[in-house]
Amino acid sequence: MKSEDTPFEGGPMDGRVLPVLVGPTGHPPKIYRIPVPDPAGGPPTVLVYRRVPRGYSKRLGLTQGWKYEYDPEGKGGGPKWPWSKPGTRPGATPGGGPDDADG
């Protein structure tokens, strides 16, 4: 498979350049997860990096490459479908409707 040297920004991997495998389209994955083993033998910590454009060409505005930026929240990405439920907020009503006590 083909790989591309991709820089990492932010977090523990800041300033490093790693070879990342590219897919059939020539792009690296949108989310890059790096498991870091726990020295005490517990579950590994997972560092999450998201792919962002490295820059754009002046004339046509095309992407000139990719880089990874650290995502401290590390939430799993995925498709955002119109029928998916949004994340629940603390104190929100489970049904998403108005509270019966208010009404």
C-alpha atoms as a PDB file:
ATOM      1  CA  MET A   1       0.000   0.000   0.000  1.00  0.00           C
ATOM      2  CA  LYS A   2       1.006   3.583  -0.490  1.00  0.00           C
ATOM      3  CA  SER A   3       1.826   5.893   2.418  1.00  0.00           C
ATOM      4  CA  GLU A   4       2.230   9.635   2.804  1.00  0.00           C
ATOM      5  CA  ASP A   5       4.344  11.532   5.343  1.00  0.00           C
ATOM      6  CA  THR A   6       1.775  13.463   7.381  1.00  0.00           C
ATOM      7  CA  PRO A   7       2.537  16.072  10.076  1.00  0.00           C
ATOM      8  CA  PHE A   8       0.788  16.053  13.462  1.00  0.00           C
ATOM      9  CA  GLU A   9      -0.090  19.247  15.355  1.00  0.00           C
ATOM     10  CA  GLY A  10      -1.047  19.626  18.997  1.00  0.00           C
ATOM     11  CA  GLY A  11      -1.110  17.111  21.788  1.00  0.00           C
ATOM     12  CA  PRO A  12       1.693  14.682  22.580  1.00  0.00           C
ATOM     13  CA  MET A  13       2.546  14.087  18.900  1.00  0.00           C
ATOM     14  CA  ASP A  14       3.107  17.795  18.126  1.00  0.00           C
ATOM     15  CA  GLY A  15       5.781  18.362  15.499  1.00  0.00           C
ATOM     16  CA  ARG A  16       6.155  14.722  14.484  1.00  0.00           C
ATOM     17  CA  VAL A  17       5.773  13.484  10.921  1.00  0.00           C
ATOM     18  CA  LEU A  18       4.636   9.891  10.461  1.00  0.00           C
ATOM     19  CA  PRO A  19       4.010   7.810   7.351  1.00  0.00           C
ATOM     20  CA  VAL A  20       0.243   7.232   7.169  1.00  0.00           C
ATOM     21  CA  LEU A  21      -1.344   4.736   4.784  1.00  0.00           C
ATOM     22  CA  VAL A  22      -3.590   6.328   2.190  1.00  0.00           C
ATOM     23  CA  GLY A  23      -6.775   4.807   0.834  1.00  0.00           C
ATOM     24  CA  PRO A  24      -7.795   4.141  -2.766  1.00  0.00           C
ATOM     25  CA  THR A  25      -8.658   7.835  -3.213  1.00  0.00           C
ATOM     26  CA  GLY A  26      -5.162   8.925  -2.156  1.00  0.00           C
ATOM     27  CA  HIS A  27      -6.367  10.476   1.101  1.00  0.00           C
ATOM     28  CA  PRO A  28      -5.310   9.476   4.624  1.00  0.00           C
ATOM     29  CA  PRO A  29      -8.102   8.477   7.064  1.00  0.00           C
ATOM     30  CA  LYS A  30     -10.263  11.292   8.509  1.00  0.00           C
ATOM     31  CA  ILE A  31      -9.612  10.165  12.087  1.00  0.00           C
ATOM     32  CA  TYR A  32      -6.301   8.719  13.266  1.00  0.00           C
ATOM     33  CA  ARG A  33      -6.314   6.943  16.626  1.00  0.00           C
ATOM     34  CA  ILE A  34      -3.055   6.206  18.444  1.00  0.00           C
ATOM     35  CA  PRO A  35      -3.260   3.781  21.399  1.00  0.00           C
ATOM     36  CA  VAL A  36      -0.748   4.603  24.148  1.00  0.00           C
ATOM     37  CA  PRO A  37      -0.128   1.750  26.615  1.00  0.00           C
ATOM     38  CA  ASP A  38      -0.588   2.459  30.330  1.00  0.00           C
ATOM     39  CA  PRO A  39       2.646   1.922  32.303  1.00  0.00           C
ATOM     40  CA  ALA A  40       0.624   0.484  35.219  1.00  0.00           C
ATOM     41  CA  GLY A  41      -0.872  -2.193  32.970  1.00  0.00           C
ATOM     42  CA  GLY A  42      -4.359  -0.653  32.760  1.00  0.00           C
ATOM     43  CA  PRO A  43      -6.347   0.043  29.624  1.00  0.00           C
ATOM     44  CA  PRO A  44      -4.467   2.047  26.973  1.00  0.00           C
ATOM     45  CA  THR A  45      -5.123   5.752  26.448  1.00  0.00           C
ATOM     46  CA  VAL A  46      -6.213   6.560  22.913  1.00  0.00           C
ATOM     47  CA  LEU A  47      -5.043   9.818  21.301  1.00  0.00           C
ATOM     48  CA  VAL A  48      -7.405  11.058  18.588  1.00  0.00           C
ATOM     49  CA  TYR A  49      -6.279  13.233  15.685  1.00  0.00           C
ATOM     50  CA  ARG A  50      -8.542  14.633  12.949  1.00  0.00           C
ATOM     51  CA  ARG A  51      -7.498  15.251   9.339  1.00  0.00           C
ATOM     52  CA  VAL A  52      -7.563  18.881   8.181  1.00  0.00           C
ATOM     53  CA  PRO A  53      -6.258  20.518   4.997  1.00  0.00           C
ATOM     54  CA  ARG A  54      -2.611  21.601   5.215  1.00  0.00           C
ATOM     55  CA  GLY A  55      -3.199  24.502   2.843  1.00  0.00           C
ATOM     56  CA  TYR A  56      -4.910  25.606  -0.343  1.00  0.00           C
ATOM     57  CA  SER A  57      -3.525  26.624  -3.723  1.00  0.00           C
ATOM     58  CA  LYS A  58      -3.880  30.309  -4.544  1.00  0.00           C
ATOM     59  CA  ARG A  59      -5.355  30.028  -7.987  1.00  0.00           C
ATOM     60  CA  LEU A  60      -7.883  27.194  -7.828  1.00  0.00           C
ATOM     61  CA  GLY A  61      -8.275  26.738  -4.082  1.00  0.00           C
ATOM     62  CA  LEU A  62      -7.352  23.051  -4.205  1.00  0.00           C
ATOM     63  CA  THR A  63      -6.135  21.234  -1.107  1.00  0.00           C
ATOM     64  CA  GLN A  64      -2.332  20.994  -1.064  1.00  0.00           C
ATOM     65  CA  GLY A  65      -2.127  18.142   1.378  1.00  0.00           C
ATOM     66  CA  TRP A  66      -3.315  17.007   4.777  1.00  0.00           C
ATOM     67  CA  LYS A  67      -2.226  17.262   8.379  1.00  0.00           C
ATOM     68  CA  TYR A  68      -3.647  15.934  11.629  1.00  0.00           C
ATOM     69  CA  GLU A  69      -4.777  18.165  14.512  1.00  0.00           C
ATOM     70  CA  TYR A  70      -5.185  16.869  18.051  1.00  0.00           C
ATOM     71  CA  ASP A  71      -8.765  16.373  19.276  1.00  0.00           C
ATOM     72  CA  PRO A  72      -8.635  16.525  23.095  1.00  0.00           C
ATOM     73  CA  GLU A  73     -12.263  15.395  23.463  1.00  0.00           C
ATOM     74  CA  GLY A  74     -11.547  12.328  21.358  1.00  0.00           C
ATOM     75  CA  LYS A  75     -15.146  11.643  20.445  1.00  0.00           C
ATOM     76  CA  GLY A  76     -15.678   8.968  17.870  1.00  0.00           C
ATOM     77  CA  GLY A  77     -16.548  10.431  14.543  1.00  0.00           C
ATOM     78  CA  GLY A  78     -19.039   9.003  12.202  1.00  0.00           C
ATOM     79  CA  PRO A  79     -21.624   9.976   9.692  1.00  0.00           C
ATOM     80  CA  LYS A  80     -24.065  12.592  10.865  1.00  0.00           C
ATOM     81  CA  TRP A  81     -27.345  11.346   9.509  1.00  0.00           C
ATOM     82  CA  PRO A  82     -30.415  13.606   9.520  1.00  0.00           C
ATOM     83  CA  TRP A  83     -32.403  10.982  11.443  1.00  0.00           C
ATOM     84  CA  SER A  84     -29.760  10.513  14.158  1.00  0.00           C
ATOM     85  CA  LYS A  85     -30.563  11.801  17.607  1.00  0.00           C
ATOM     86  CA  PRO A  86     -28.413  14.693  18.794  1.00  0.00           C
ATOM     87  CA  GLY A  87     -26.326  14.227  21.929  1.00  0.00           C
ATOM     88  CA  THR A  88     -28.360  14.590  25.109  1.00  0.00           C
ATOM     89  CA  ARG A  89     -27.624  17.448  27.447  1.00  0.00           C
ATOM     90  CA  PRO A  90     -27.576  17.114  31.235  1.00  0.00           C
ATOM     91  CA  GLY A  91     -30.977  18.016  32.624  1.00  0.00           C
ATOM     92  CA  ALA A  92     -32.739  17.505  29.287  1.00  0.00           C
ATOM     93  CA  THR A  93     -36.086  15.752  29.170  1.00  0.00           C
ATOM     94  CA  PRO A  94     -35.641  12.116  28.032  1.00  0.00           C
ATOM     95  CA  GLY A  95     -38.370  12.412  25.372  1.00  0.00           C
ATOM     96  CA  GLY A  96     -37.037  15.700  24.071  1.00  0.00           C
ATOM     97  CA  GLY A  97     -40.385  17.417  24.693  1.00  0.00           C
ATOM     98  CA  PRO A  98     -41.413  19.984  27.285  1.00  0.00           C
ATOM     99  CA  ASP A  99     -41.509  18.947  30.940  1.00  0.00           C
ATOM    100  CA  ASP A 100     -44.897  17.968  32.342  1.00  0.00           C
ATOM    101  CA  ALA A 101     -44.180  19.950  35.531  1.00  0.00           C
ATOM    102  CA  ASP A 102     -43.861  23.221  33.573  1.00  0.00           C
ATOM    103  CA  GLY A 103     -47.117  22.988  31.858  1.00  0.00           C
END
